PDB file of N, CA and C in Angstrom:
ATOM      1  N   MET A   1      66.049 -60.350 226.238  1.00  0.00           N
ATOM      2  CA  MET A   1      64.704 -60.523 226.763  1.00  0.00           C
ATOM      3  C   MET A   1      63.414 -59.659 226.625  1.00  0.00           C
ATOM      4  N   ALA A   2      62.240 -60.303 225.338  1.00  0.00           N
ATOM      5  CA  ALA A   2      61.377 -60.455 225.382  1.00  0.00           C
ATOM      6  C   ALA A   2      60.298 -59.613 225.759  1.00  0.00           C
ATOM      7  N   PRO A   3      59.897 -58.093 225.524  1.00  0.00           N
ATOM      8  CA  PRO A   3      59.112 -57.479 226.210  1.00  0.00           C
ATOM      9  C   PRO A   3      57.870 -58.687 226.577  1.00  0.00           C
ATOM     10  N   MET A   4      57.457 -57.795 228.350  1.00  0.00           N
ATOM     11  CA  MET A   4      56.509 -58.758 228.885  1.00  0.00           C
ATOM     12  C   MET A   4      55.292 -57.984 228.164  1.00  0.00           C
ATOM     13  N   THR A   5      53.721 -58.498 228.605  1.00  0.00           N
ATOM     14  CA  THR A   5      52.873 -58.580 228.086  1.00  0.00           C
ATOM     15  C   THR A   5      52.368 -57.753 229.333  1.00  0.00           C
ATOM     16  N   VAL A   6      50.975 -56.751 229.146  1.00  0.00           N
ATOM     17  CA  VAL A   6      50.638 -56.103 230.156  1.00  0.00           C
ATOM     18  C   VAL A   6      49.777 -56.511 231.247  1.00  0.00           C
ATOM     19  N   ASN A   7      50.414 -56.421 232.890  1.00  0.00           N
ATOM     20  CA  ASN A   7      49.497 -56.776 233.499  1.00  0.00           C
ATOM     21  C   ASN A   7      49.500 -55.581 234.806  1.00  0.00           C
ATOM     22  N   PRO A   8      49.095 -56.153 235.875  1.00  0.00           N
ATOM     23  CA  PRO A   8      48.910 -55.457 237.163  1.00  0.00           C
ATOM     24  C   PRO A   8      50.249 -55.518 237.807  1.00  0.00           C
ATOM     25  N   ILE A   9      51.463 -56.032 237.550  1.00  0.00           N
ATOM     26  CA  ILE A   9      52.216 -56.257 238.185  1.00  0.00           C
ATOM     27  C   ILE A   9      53.894 -55.433 237.146  1.00  0.00           C
ATOM     28  N   THR A  10      53.597 -55.363 236.287  1.00  0.00           N
ATOM     29  CA  THR A  10      55.073 -54.909 236.189  1.00  0.00           C
ATOM     30  C   THR A  10      54.799 -53.332 235.491  1.00  0.00           C
ATOM     31  N   GLY A  11      55.681 -53.281 236.345  1.00  0.00           N
ATOM     32  CA  GLY A  11      55.998 -51.487 235.907  1.00  0.00           C
ATOM     33  C   GLY A  11      55.824 -50.536 237.645  1.00  0.00           C
ATOM     34  N   HIS A  12      54.801 -51.349 238.343  1.00  0.00           N
ATOM     35  CA  HIS A  12      54.514 -51.123 239.009  1.00  0.00           C
ATOM     36  C   HIS A  12      54.606 -51.402 240.971  1.00  0.00           C
ATOM     37  N   SER A  13      54.681 -50.557 242.085  1.00  0.00           N
ATOM     38  CA  SER A  13      55.699 -50.939 243.411  1.00  0.00           C
ATOM     39  C   SER A  13      54.215 -51.878 243.854  1.00  0.00           C
ATOM     40  N   LEU A  14      54.208 -52.825 244.848  1.00  0.00           N
ATOM     41  CA  LEU A  14      53.618 -53.763 245.429  1.00  0.00           C
ATOM     42  C   LEU A  14      54.562 -53.868 247.405  1.00  0.00           C
ATOM     43  N   ARG A  15      52.754 -53.989 248.004  1.00  0.00           N
ATOM     44  CA  ARG A  15      53.761 -54.298 249.193  1.00  0.00           C
ATOM     45  C   ARG A  15      52.918 -55.653 249.349  1.00  0.00           C
ATOM     46  N   PHE A  16      54.013 -56.488 250.199  1.00  0.00           N
ATOM     47  CA  PHE A  16      53.460 -58.055 250.293  1.00  0.00           C
ATOM     48  C   PHE A  16      54.105 -57.694 251.962  1.00  0.00           C
ATOM     49  N   LYS A  17      52.731 -58.861 252.854  1.00  0.00           N
ATOM     50  CA  LYS A  17      52.377 -58.412 253.957  1.00  0.00           C
ATOM     51  C   LYS A  17      52.153 -60.091 254.020  1.00  0.00           C
ATOM     52  N   PHE A  18      53.330 -60.386 254.910  1.00  0.00           N
ATOM     53  CA  PHE A  18      52.983 -62.332 255.435  1.00  0.00           C
ATOM     54  C   PHE A  18      52.148 -62.826 256.519  1.00  0.00           C
ATOM     55  N   ILE A  19      51.568 -63.258 256.736  1.00  0.00           N
ATOM     56  CA  ILE A  19      50.651 -63.936 257.873  1.00  0.00           C
ATOM     57  C   ILE A  19      51.459 -64.855 258.482  1.00  0.00           C
ATOM     58  N   ASP A  20      51.985 -65.934 258.351  1.00  0.00           N
ATOM     59  CA  ASP A  20      52.239 -67.250 258.160  1.00  0.00           C
ATOM     60  C   ASP A  20      53.969 -67.329 257.489  1.00  0.00           C
ATOM     61  N   GLY A  21      54.895 -68.748 257.468  1.00  0.00           N
ATOM     62  CA  GLY A  21      55.617 -68.870 257.674  1.00  0.00           C
ATOM     63  C   GLY A  21      56.618 -68.422 257.903  1.00  0.00           C
ATOM     64  N   PRO A  22      58.235 -68.531 257.116  1.00  0.00           N
ATOM     65  CA  PRO A  22      59.605 -67.730 257.588  1.00  0.00           C
ATOM     66  C   PRO A  22      59.534 -66.220 257.810  1.00  0.00           C
ATOM     67  N   VAL A  23      58.676 -65.375 257.206  1.00  0.00           N
ATOM     68  CA  VAL A  23      58.864 -64.324 257.516  1.00  0.00           C
ATOM     69  C   VAL A  23      57.298 -63.820 258.051  1.00  0.00           C
ATOM     70  N   ALA A  24      56.773 -64.492 258.628  1.00  0.00           N
ATOM     71  CA  ALA A  24      55.152 -64.065 259.342  1.00  0.00           C
ATOM     72  C   ALA A  24      55.546 -62.324 260.354  1.00  0.00           C
ATOM     73  N   GLY A  25      53.884 -62.062 260.080  1.00  0.00           N
ATOM     74  CA  GLY A  25      54.754 -60.596 260.199  1.00  0.00           C
ATOM     75  C   GLY A  25      55.276 -59.006 259.627  1.00  0.00           C
ATOM     76  N   LYS A  26      55.441 -60.264 258.923  1.00  0.00           N
ATOM     77  CA  LYS A  26      57.055 -58.705 257.395  1.00  0.00           C
ATOM     78  C   LYS A  26      56.268 -58.941 256.572  1.00  0.00           C
ATOM     79  N   SER A  27      56.132 -57.327 256.624  1.00  0.00           N
ATOM     80  CA  SER A  27      55.976 -56.835 255.057  1.00  0.00           C
ATOM     81  C   SER A  27      57.144 -56.444 254.091  1.00  0.00           C
ATOM     82  N   TYR A  28      57.592 -56.788 252.601  1.00  0.00           N
ATOM     83  CA  TYR A  28      58.204 -56.070 251.999  1.00  0.00           C
ATOM     84  C   TYR A  28      57.487 -55.262 250.707  1.00  0.00           C
ATOM     85  N   ASP A  29      58.882 -54.196 250.667  1.00  0.00           N
ATOM     86  CA  ASP A  29      58.346 -53.629 248.862  1.00  0.00           C
ATOM     87  C   ASP A  29      58.890 -54.148 248.549  1.00  0.00           C
ATOM     88  N   HIS A  30      57.845 -54.526 246.702  1.00  0.00           N
ATOM     89  CA  HIS A  30      58.700 -55.040 245.882  1.00  0.00           C
ATOM     90  C   HIS A  30      58.758 -53.705 245.021  1.00  0.00           C
ATOM     91  N   GLU A  31      59.433 -53.373 243.798  1.00  0.00           N
ATOM     92  CA  GLU A  31      58.835 -52.552 242.953  1.00  0.00           C
ATOM     93  C   GLU A  31      59.830 -53.080 241.278  1.00  0.00           C
ATOM     94  N   PHE A  32      58.452 -53.256 240.925  1.00  0.00           N
ATOM     95  CA  PHE A  32      58.923 -54.490 239.025  1.00  0.00           C
ATOM     96  C   PHE A  32      59.266 -53.170 238.662  1.00  0.00           C
ATOM     97  N   SER A  33      59.735 -52.790 237.905  1.00  0.00           N
ATOM     98  CA  SER A  33      60.551 -52.539 236.554  1.00  0.00           C
ATOM     99  C   SER A  33      59.733 -52.673 235.373  1.00  0.00           C
ATOM    100  N   ARG A  34      59.568 -52.160 234.743  1.00  0.00           N
ATOM    101  CA  ARG A  34      59.125 -51.941 233.037  1.00  0.00           C
ATOM    102  C   ARG A  34      61.001 -52.937 232.173  1.00  0.00           C
ATOM    103  N   ASN A  35      61.573 -52.802 232.756  1.00  0.00           N
ATOM    104  CA  ASN A  35      62.938 -53.250 232.092  1.00  0.00           C
ATOM    105  C   ASN A  35      63.751 -54.565 232.623  1.00  0.00           C
ATOM    106  N   GLY A  36      62.080 -55.356 233.318  1.00  0.00           N
ATOM    107  CA  GLY A  36      62.322 -56.394 234.052  1.00  0.00           C
ATOM    108  C   GLY A  36      63.125 -56.712 235.192  1.00  0.00           C
ATOM    109  N   HIS A  37      63.579 -55.983 235.900  1.00  0.00           N
ATOM    110  CA  HIS A  37      64.319 -55.872 237.420  1.00  0.00           C
ATOM    111  C   HIS A  37      63.444 -55.395 238.643  1.00  0.00           C
ATOM    112  N   VAL A  38      63.258 -56.050 239.453  1.00  0.00           N
ATOM    113  CA  VAL A  38      62.781 -56.087 240.622  1.00  0.00           C
ATOM    114  C   VAL A  38      63.917 -55.448 241.602  1.00  0.00           C
ATOM    115  N   THR A  39      63.637 -54.571 242.567  1.00  0.00           N
ATOM    116  CA  THR A  39      63.951 -54.877 243.842  1.00  0.00           C
ATOM    117  C   THR A  39      63.062 -54.437 245.135  1.00  0.00           C
ATOM    118  N   PHE A  40      63.631 -55.150 246.354  1.00  0.00           N
ATOM    119  CA  PHE A  40      62.552 -54.918 247.423  1.00  0.00           C
ATOM    120  C   PHE A  40      62.942 -55.032 249.201  1.00  0.00           C
ATOM    121  N   ARG A  41      62.820 -54.602 249.290  1.00  0.00           N
ATOM    122  CA  ARG A  41      63.102 -53.641 250.939  1.00  0.00           C
ATOM    123  C   ARG A  41      62.032 -54.351 251.502  1.00  0.00           C
ATOM    124  N   GLU A  42      62.549 -54.616 253.381  1.00  0.00           N
ATOM    125  CA  GLU A  42      61.763 -54.467 254.032  1.00  0.00           C
ATOM    126  C   GLU A  42      61.239 -53.706 254.462  1.00  0.00           C
ATOM    127  N   THR A  43      59.675 -53.533 254.754  1.00  0.00           N
ATOM    128  CA  THR A  43      59.352 -51.851 254.958  1.00  0.00           C
ATOM    129  C   THR A  43      59.296 -51.250 256.759  1.00  0.00           C
ATOM    130  N   ASP A  44      60.547 -52.760 257.514  1.00  0.00           N
ATOM    131  CA  ASP A  44      60.443 -52.049 258.884  1.00  0.00           C
ATOM    132  C   ASP A  44      62.361 -51.724 258.882  1.00  0.00           C
ATOM    133  N   ALA A  45      62.925 -52.028 257.938  1.00  0.00           N
ATOM    134  CA  ALA A  45      64.331 -52.138 257.743  1.00  0.00           C
ATOM    135  C   ALA A  45      64.792 -51.162 257.610  1.00  0.00           C
ATOM    136  N   ASP A  46      66.211 -50.886 257.803  1.00  0.00           N
ATOM    137  CA  ASP A  46      67.099 -49.482 257.925  1.00  0.00           C
ATOM    138  C   ASP A  46      66.706 -49.088 256.782  1.00  0.00           C
ATOM    139  N   PRO A  47      65.988 -47.786 256.737  1.00  0.00           N
ATOM    140  CA  PRO A  47      65.843 -46.949 255.229  1.00  0.00           C
ATOM    141  C   PRO A  47      67.804 -46.407 254.427  1.00  0.00           C
ATOM    142  N   ASN A  48      68.337 -46.759 254.764  1.00  0.00           N
ATOM    143  CA  ASN A  48      69.974 -46.554 254.350  1.00  0.00           C
ATOM    144  C   ASN A  48      70.307 -47.613 254.059  1.00  0.00           C
ATOM    145  N   ALA A  49      69.733 -49.248 254.144  1.00  0.00           N
ATOM    146  CA  ALA A  49      69.815 -49.887 253.567  1.00  0.00           C
ATOM    147  C   ALA A  49      69.925 -50.538 252.594  1.00  0.00           C
ATOM    148  N   LYS A  50      70.746 -50.970 251.503  1.00  0.00           N
ATOM    149  CA  LYS A  50      70.603 -51.490 250.450  1.00  0.00           C
ATOM    150  C   LYS A  50      69.718 -52.508 249.996  1.00  0.00           C
ATOM    151  N   PRO A  51      68.893 -52.021 249.437  1.00  0.00           N
ATOM    152  CA  PRO A  51      67.566 -53.219 248.694  1.00  0.00           C
ATOM    153  C   PRO A  51      68.101 -54.219 247.874  1.00  0.00           C
ATOM    154  N   GLY A  52      66.870 -55.923 248.523  1.00  0.00           N
ATOM    155  CA  GLY A  52      67.288 -56.552 247.428  1.00  0.00           C
ATOM    156  C   GLY A  52      66.806 -56.062 245.853  1.00  0.00           C
ATOM    157  N   GLY A  53      67.702 -57.505 245.881  1.00  0.00           N
ATOM    158  CA  GLY A  53      66.792 -57.086 244.054  1.00  0.00           C
ATOM    159  C   GLY A  53      67.782 -58.242 243.141  1.00  0.00           C
ATOM    160  N   ALA A  54      66.956 -58.497 242.069  1.00  0.00           N
ATOM    161  CA  ALA A  54      66.580 -59.679 241.311  1.00  0.00           C
ATOM    162  C   ALA A  54      67.326 -58.676 239.282  1.00  0.00           C
ATOM    163  N   ASP A  55      67.896 -58.877 238.848  1.00  0.00           N
ATOM    164  CA  ASP A  55      67.532 -58.736 237.548  1.00  0.00           C
ATOM    165  C   ASP A  55      66.893 -58.858 236.816  1.00  0.00           C
ATOM    166  N   GLN A  56      65.785 -59.617 236.485  1.00  0.00           N
ATOM    167  CA  GLN A  56      65.239 -60.585 236.305  1.00  0.00           C
ATOM    168  C   GLN A  56      63.909 -60.887 237.270  1.00  0.00           C
ATOM    169  N   TYR A  57      62.399 -60.580 236.342  1.00  0.00           N
ATOM    170  CA  TYR A  57      61.069 -61.213 237.199  1.00  0.00           C
ATOM    171  C   TYR A  57      60.374 -61.672 235.546  1.00  0.00           C
ATOM    172  N   LEU A  58      59.444 -62.541 235.984  1.00  0.00           N
ATOM    173  CA  LEU A  58      58.802 -62.921 235.470  1.00  0.00           C
ATOM    174  C   LEU A  58      56.838 -63.143 235.931  1.00  0.00           C
ATOM    175  N   VAL A  59      56.580 -62.758 234.793  1.00  0.00           N
ATOM    176  CA  VAL A  59      54.917 -62.715 234.856  1.00  0.00           C
ATOM    177  C   VAL A  59      54.622 -63.803 234.763  1.00  0.00           C
ATOM    178  N   ALA A  60      52.920 -64.855 234.898  1.00  0.00           N
ATOM    179  CA  ALA A  60      52.233 -64.992 233.995  1.00  0.00           C
ATOM    180  C   ALA A  60      50.890 -64.606 234.389  1.00  0.00           C
ATOM    181  N   SER A  61      49.709 -64.873 233.764  1.00  0.00           N
ATOM    182  CA  SER A  61      48.483 -64.035 233.865  1.00  0.00           C
ATOM    183  C   SER A  61      47.564 -65.655 233.781  1.00  0.00           C
ATOM    184  N   LEU A  62      47.110 -65.906 234.797  1.00  0.00           N
ATOM    185  CA  LEU A  62      46.272 -66.833 234.605  1.00  0.00           C
ATOM    186  C   LEU A  62      44.641 -66.641 234.514  1.00  0.00           C
ATOM    187  N   GLY A  63      44.451 -65.398 234.649  1.00  0.00           N
ATOM    188  CA  GLY A  63      43.021 -65.140 233.848  1.00  0.00           C
ATOM    189  C   GLY A  63      43.424 -63.374 234.000  1.00  0.00           C
ATOM    190  N   PRO A  64      42.214 -62.482 234.827  1.00  0.00           N
ATOM    191  CA  PRO A  64      42.265 -61.106 234.362  1.00  0.00           C
ATOM    192  C   PRO A  64      42.323 -60.626 236.046  1.00  0.00           C
ATOM    193  N   GLU A  65      42.301 -60.766 236.843  1.00  0.00           N
ATOM    194  CA  GLU A  65      42.122 -60.937 238.447  1.00  0.00           C
ATOM    195  C   GLU A  65      43.610 -61.979 238.990  1.00  0.00           C
ATOM    196  N   CYS A  66      44.167 -63.089 238.448  1.00  0.00           N
ATOM    197  CA  CYS A  66      44.904 -63.947 238.806  1.00  0.00           C
ATOM    198  C   CYS A  66      46.684 -63.907 238.625  1.00  0.00           C
ATOM    199  N   HIS A  67      47.927 -63.139 238.811  1.00  0.00           N
ATOM    200  CA  HIS A  67      48.891 -63.390 238.156  1.00  0.00           C
ATOM    201  C   HIS A  67      49.993 -64.268 239.158  1.00  0.00           C
ATOM    202  N   VAL A  68      51.397 -64.982 238.469  1.00  0.00           N
ATOM    203  CA  VAL A  68      51.541 -64.811 239.457  1.00  0.00           C
ATOM    204  C   VAL A  68      53.206 -64.794 238.654  1.00  0.00           C
ATOM    205  N   VAL A  69      54.201 -64.153 239.785  1.00  0.00           N
ATOM    206  CA  VAL A  69      55.157 -63.373 239.758  1.00  0.00           C
ATOM    207  C   VAL A  69      56.529 -63.790 240.360  1.00  0.00           C
ATOM    208  N   SER A  70      57.896 -64.313 239.874  1.00  0.00           N
ATOM    209  CA  SER A  70      58.755 -65.140 240.323  1.00  0.00           C
ATOM    210  C   SER A  70      60.030 -64.361 240.135  1.00  0.00           C
ATOM    211  N   TYR A  71      60.911 -64.807 241.205  1.00  0.00           N
ATOM    212  CA  TYR A  71      62.395 -63.409 241.000  1.00  0.00           C
ATOM    213  C   TYR A  71      63.246 -64.209 241.391  1.00  0.00           C
ATOM    214  N   LEU A  72      64.492 -64.316 240.978  1.00  0.00           N
ATOM    215  CA  LEU A  72      65.768 -65.387 241.884  1.00  0.00           C
ATOM    216  C   LEU A  72      66.699 -64.662 242.030  1.00  0.00           C
ATOM    217  N   SER A  73      67.327 -64.247 243.163  1.00  0.00           N
ATOM    218  CA  SER A  73      67.742 -62.764 244.010  1.00  0.00           C
ATOM    219  C   SER A  73      69.180 -63.377 243.712  1.00  0.00           C
ATOM    220  N   PRO A  74      70.685 -62.523 244.040  1.00  0.00           N
ATOM    221  CA  PRO A  74      71.717 -63.209 243.142  1.00  0.00           C
ATOM    222  C   PRO A  74      72.147 -63.762 244.553  1.00  0.00           C
ATOM    223  N   ALA A  75      71.564 -63.474 246.169  1.00  0.00           N
ATOM    224  CA  ALA A  75      72.062 -64.650 246.905  1.00  0.00           C
ATOM    225  C   ALA A  75      70.897 -66.605 247.477  1.00  0.00           C
ATOM    226  N   GLY A  76      70.684 -66.605 245.785  1.00  0.00           N
ATOM    227  CA  GLY A  76      70.247 -67.961 245.657  1.00  0.00           C
ATOM    228  C   GLY A  76      68.433 -68.072 245.775  1.00  0.00           C
ATOM    229  N   HIS A  77      67.743 -67.005 246.501  1.00  0.00           N
ATOM    230  CA  HIS A  77      66.857 -67.360 247.108  1.00  0.00           C
ATOM    231  C   HIS A  77      65.551 -67.038 245.795  1.00  0.00           C
ATOM    232  N   THR A  78      64.433 -68.236 246.164  1.00  0.00           N
ATOM    233  CA  THR A  78      63.379 -67.781 244.735  1.00  0.00           C
ATOM    234  C   THR A  78      62.481 -67.491 245.208  1.00  0.00           C
ATOM    235  N   LEU A  79      61.738 -66.705 245.348  1.00  0.00           N
ATOM    236  CA  LEU A  79      60.069 -66.164 245.136  1.00  0.00           C
ATOM    237  C   LEU A  79      59.368 -66.253 243.879  1.00  0.00           C
ATOM    238  N   THR A  80      58.808 -67.357 244.582  1.00  0.00           N
ATOM    239  CA  THR A  80      57.150 -67.652 243.069  1.00  0.00           C
ATOM    240  C   THR A  80      56.085 -66.807 244.167  1.00  0.00           C
ATOM    241  N   THR A  81      54.901 -66.074 243.833  1.00  0.00           N
ATOM    242  CA  THR A  81      53.818 -65.232 244.357  1.00  0.00           C
ATOM    243  C   THR A  81      53.113 -65.394 243.887  1.00  0.00           C
ATOM    244  N   ILE A  82      52.040 -66.319 244.056  1.00  0.00           N
ATOM    245  CA  ILE A  82      50.657 -65.841 243.040  1.00  0.00           C
ATOM    246  C   ILE A  82      50.020 -64.699 243.722  1.00  0.00           C
ATOM    247  N   LEU A  83      49.049 -63.877 242.709  1.00  0.00           N
ATOM    248  CA  LEU A  83      48.805 -62.702 243.393  1.00  0.00           C
ATOM    249  C   LEU A  83      47.613 -63.184 243.064  1.00  0.00           C
ATOM    250  N   ASP A  84      46.312 -62.674 244.057  1.00  0.00           N
ATOM    251  CA  ASP A  84      44.575 -62.477 243.600  1.00  0.00           C
ATOM    252  C   ASP A  84      44.426 -61.223 243.484  1.00  0.00           C
ATOM    253  N   PHE A  85      44.457 -60.957 242.359  1.00  0.00           N
ATOM    254  CA  PHE A  85      43.776 -59.333 242.857  1.00  0.00           C
ATOM    255  C   PHE A  85      42.291 -58.822 243.015  1.00  0.00           C
ATOM    256  N   LYS A  86      41.801 -60.121 242.944  1.00  0.00           N
ATOM    257  CA  LYS A  86      40.076 -59.830 243.276  1.00  0.00           C
ATOM    258  C   LYS A  86      40.214 -59.728 244.850  1.00  0.00           C
ATOM    259  N   THR A  87      40.775 -60.588 245.310  1.00  0.00           N
ATOM    260  CA  THR A  87      40.720 -60.812 247.015  1.00  0.00           C
ATOM    261  C   THR A  87      41.574 -59.413 247.324  1.00  0.00           C
ATOM    262  N   MET A  88      42.941 -59.627 246.682  1.00  0.00           N
ATOM    263  CA  MET A  88      44.139 -58.993 247.135  1.00  0.00           C
ATOM    264  C   MET A  88      44.971 -60.130 248.510  1.00  0.00           C
ATOM    265  N   LYS A  89      44.915 -61.279 247.646  1.00  0.00           N
ATOM    266  CA  LYS A  89      45.502 -62.214 248.991  1.00  0.00           C
ATOM    267  C   LYS A  89      46.593 -62.950 248.218  1.00  0.00           C
ATOM    268  N   LEU A  90      47.630 -63.111 248.525  1.00  0.00           N
ATOM    269  CA  LEU A  90      48.664 -63.956 247.820  1.00  0.00           C
ATOM    270  C   LEU A  90      49.452 -65.622 248.729  1.00  0.00           C
ATOM    271  N   VAL A  91      49.722 -66.223 248.128  1.00  0.00           N
ATOM    272  CA  VAL A  91      50.351 -67.476 248.343  1.00  0.00           C
ATOM    273  C   VAL A  91      51.693 -67.453 247.846  1.00  0.00           C
ATOM    274  N   ALA A  92      52.655 -67.056 248.732  1.00  0.00           N
ATOM    275  CA  ALA A  92      54.441 -67.227 248.115  1.00  0.00           C
ATOM    276  C   ALA A  92      54.621 -68.279 248.270  1.00  0.00           C
ATOM    277  N   PHE A  93      55.931 -69.177 247.367  1.00  0.00           N
ATOM    278  CA  PHE A  93      56.623 -69.976 247.613  1.00  0.00           C
ATOM    279  C   PHE A  93      58.161 -69.170 247.521  1.00  0.00           C
ATOM    280  N   ALA A  94      58.634 -70.030 249.024  1.00  0.00           N
ATOM    281  CA  ALA A  94      60.779 -69.038 249.275  1.00  0.00           C
ATOM    282  C   ALA A  94      61.374 -69.902 249.106  1.00  0.00           C
ATOM    283  N   SER A  95      62.222 -70.526 247.808  1.00  0.00           N
ATOM    284  CA  SER A  95      63.311 -71.414 247.999  1.00  0.00           C
ATOM    285  C   SER A  95      64.784 -70.919 247.621  1.00  0.00           C
ATOM    286  N   ASN A  96      65.648 -71.586 248.475  1.00  0.00           N
ATOM    287  CA  ASN A  96      67.227 -71.975 248.119  1.00  0.00           C
ATOM    288  C   ASN A  96      67.570 -73.413 248.163  1.00  0.00           C
ATOM    289  N   GLU A  97      68.706 -73.957 247.714  1.00  0.00           N
ATOM    290  CA  GLU A  97      69.181 -74.834 247.763  1.00  0.00           C
ATOM    291  C   GLU A  97      69.050 -75.927 248.875  1.00  0.00           C
ATOM    292  N   LYS A  98      68.410 -75.497 250.330  1.00  0.00           N
ATOM    293  CA  LYS A  98      68.488 -76.169 251.378  1.00  0.00           C
ATOM    294  C   LYS A  98      67.275 -76.166 251.558  1.00  0.00           C
ATOM    295  N   SER A  99      66.264 -74.865 251.410  1.00  0.00           N
ATOM    296  CA  SER A  99      64.642 -75.279 252.328  1.00  0.00           C
ATOM    297  C   SER A  99      63.992 -74.772 251.001  1.00  0.00           C
ATOM    298  N   LEU A 100      61.825 -74.818 251.050  1.00  0.00           N
ATOM    299  CA  LEU A 100      61.531 -74.605 250.907  1.00  0.00           C
ATOM    300  C   LEU A 100      60.447 -74.140 251.621  1.00  0.00           C
ATOM    301  N   ALA A 101      59.908 -73.130 251.131  1.00  0.00           N
ATOM    302  CA  ALA A 101      58.709 -72.327 252.812  1.00  0.00           C
ATOM    303  C   ALA A 101      57.541 -72.135 252.008  1.00  0.00           C
ATOM    304  N   MET A 102      56.458 -72.204 251.920  1.00  0.00           N
ATOM    305  CA  MET A 102      55.032 -71.360 251.727  1.00  0.00           C
ATOM    306  C   MET A 102      54.492 -70.410 252.425  1.00  0.00           C
ATOM    307  N   GLN A 103      54.005 -69.698 252.457  1.00  0.00           N
ATOM    308  CA  GLN A 103      53.588 -68.484 253.072  1.00  0.00           C
ATOM    309  C   GLN A 103      52.992 -67.926 252.321  1.00  0.00           C
ATOM    310  N   GLN A 104      51.593 -66.893 252.887  1.00  0.00           N
ATOM    311  CA  GLN A 104      50.479 -66.913 252.903  1.00  0.00           C
ATOM    312  C   GLN A 104      50.845 -65.276 253.686  1.00  0.00           C
ATOM    313  N   GLY A 105      49.285 -64.542 253.286  1.00  0.00           N
ATOM    314  CA  GLY A 105      49.794 -63.106 253.010  1.00  0.00           C
ATOM    315  C   GLY A 105      48.444 -62.058 252.315  1.00  0.00           C
ATOM    316  N   THR A 106      48.905 -60.928 252.438  1.00  0.00           N
ATOM    317  CA  THR A 106      47.701 -59.595 251.458  1.00  0.00           C
ATOM    318  C   THR A 106      48.888 -59.148 250.492  1.00  0.00           C
ATOM    319  N   PHE A 107      48.661 -58.352 249.637  1.00  0.00           N
ATOM    320  CA  PHE A 107      49.551 -57.160 249.305  1.00  0.00           C
ATOM    321  C   PHE A 107      48.169 -55.985 249.185  1.00  0.00           C
ATOM    322  N   GLU A 108      48.957 -55.036 248.907  1.00  0.00           N
ATOM    323  CA  GLU A 108      48.219 -53.751 248.342  1.00  0.00           C
ATOM    324  C   GLU A 108      49.770 -52.958 247.555  1.00  0.00           C
ATOM    325  N   CYS A 109      48.772 -53.054 246.371  1.00  0.00           N
ATOM    326  CA  CYS A 109      48.804 -51.174 245.401  1.00  0.00           C
ATOM    327  C   CYS A 109      49.771 -50.476 246.045  1.00  0.00           C
ATOM    328  N   LEU A 110      50.890 -50.156 245.414  1.00  0.00           N
ATOM    329  CA  LEU A 110      51.294 -48.618 246.107  1.00  0.00           C
ATOM    330  C   LEU A 110      51.919 -47.611 244.729  1.00  0.00           C
ATOM    331  N   GLY A 111      51.601 -48.169 243.690  1.00  0.00           N
ATOM    332  CA  GLY A 111      51.678 -46.597 242.815  1.00  0.00           C
ATOM    333  C   GLY A 111      53.000 -47.378 241.752  1.00  0.00           C
ATOM    334  N   SER A 112      53.262 -46.769 240.964  1.00  0.00           N
ATOM    335  CA  SER A 112      53.769 -46.798 239.304  1.00  0.00           C
ATOM    336  C   SER A 112      55.572 -46.978 240.109  1.00  0.00           C
ATOM    337  N   ALA A 113      55.837 -47.743 239.632  1.00  0.00           N
ATOM    338  CA  ALA A 113      57.790 -48.220 239.623  1.00  0.00           C
ATOM    339  C   ALA A 113      58.217 -47.230 239.232  1.00  0.00           C
ATOM    340  N   PRO A 114      59.118 -46.677 239.425  1.00  0.00           N
ATOM    341  CA  PRO A 114      60.035 -45.731 239.173  1.00  0.00           C
ATOM    342  C   PRO A 114      61.055 -46.365 237.851  1.00  0.00           C
ATOM    343  N   ARG A 115      60.743 -45.265 236.881  1.00  0.00           N
ATOM    344  CA  ARG A 115      61.612 -45.565 235.364  1.00  0.00           C
ATOM    345  C   ARG A 115      62.653 -46.630 235.909  1.00  0.00           C
TER     346      ARG A 115
END
């Protein structure tokens, strides 16, 4: 896999907070590693539970403040999220072979992801 260009997602941890859609009221911490892997966990979940993850994520920058990140989990779920770093708002599309849902919310930067 080719190295990712510099962006505010790769190598960082972000918390997604959804206000509508199937996961309304829930928050998820995402760690986007520099090697292209992502792990995620619901913030209210059992801290000893194994986090979800994907072997690859992709980032596209639409401008200095707007970026898109997408990943496909081994369970067959895809999450594609548009992040506006000026407003700290997000729009996400979650899908699998049976459903497609749009979700809106906010996000916050938690710092650098572990290496």
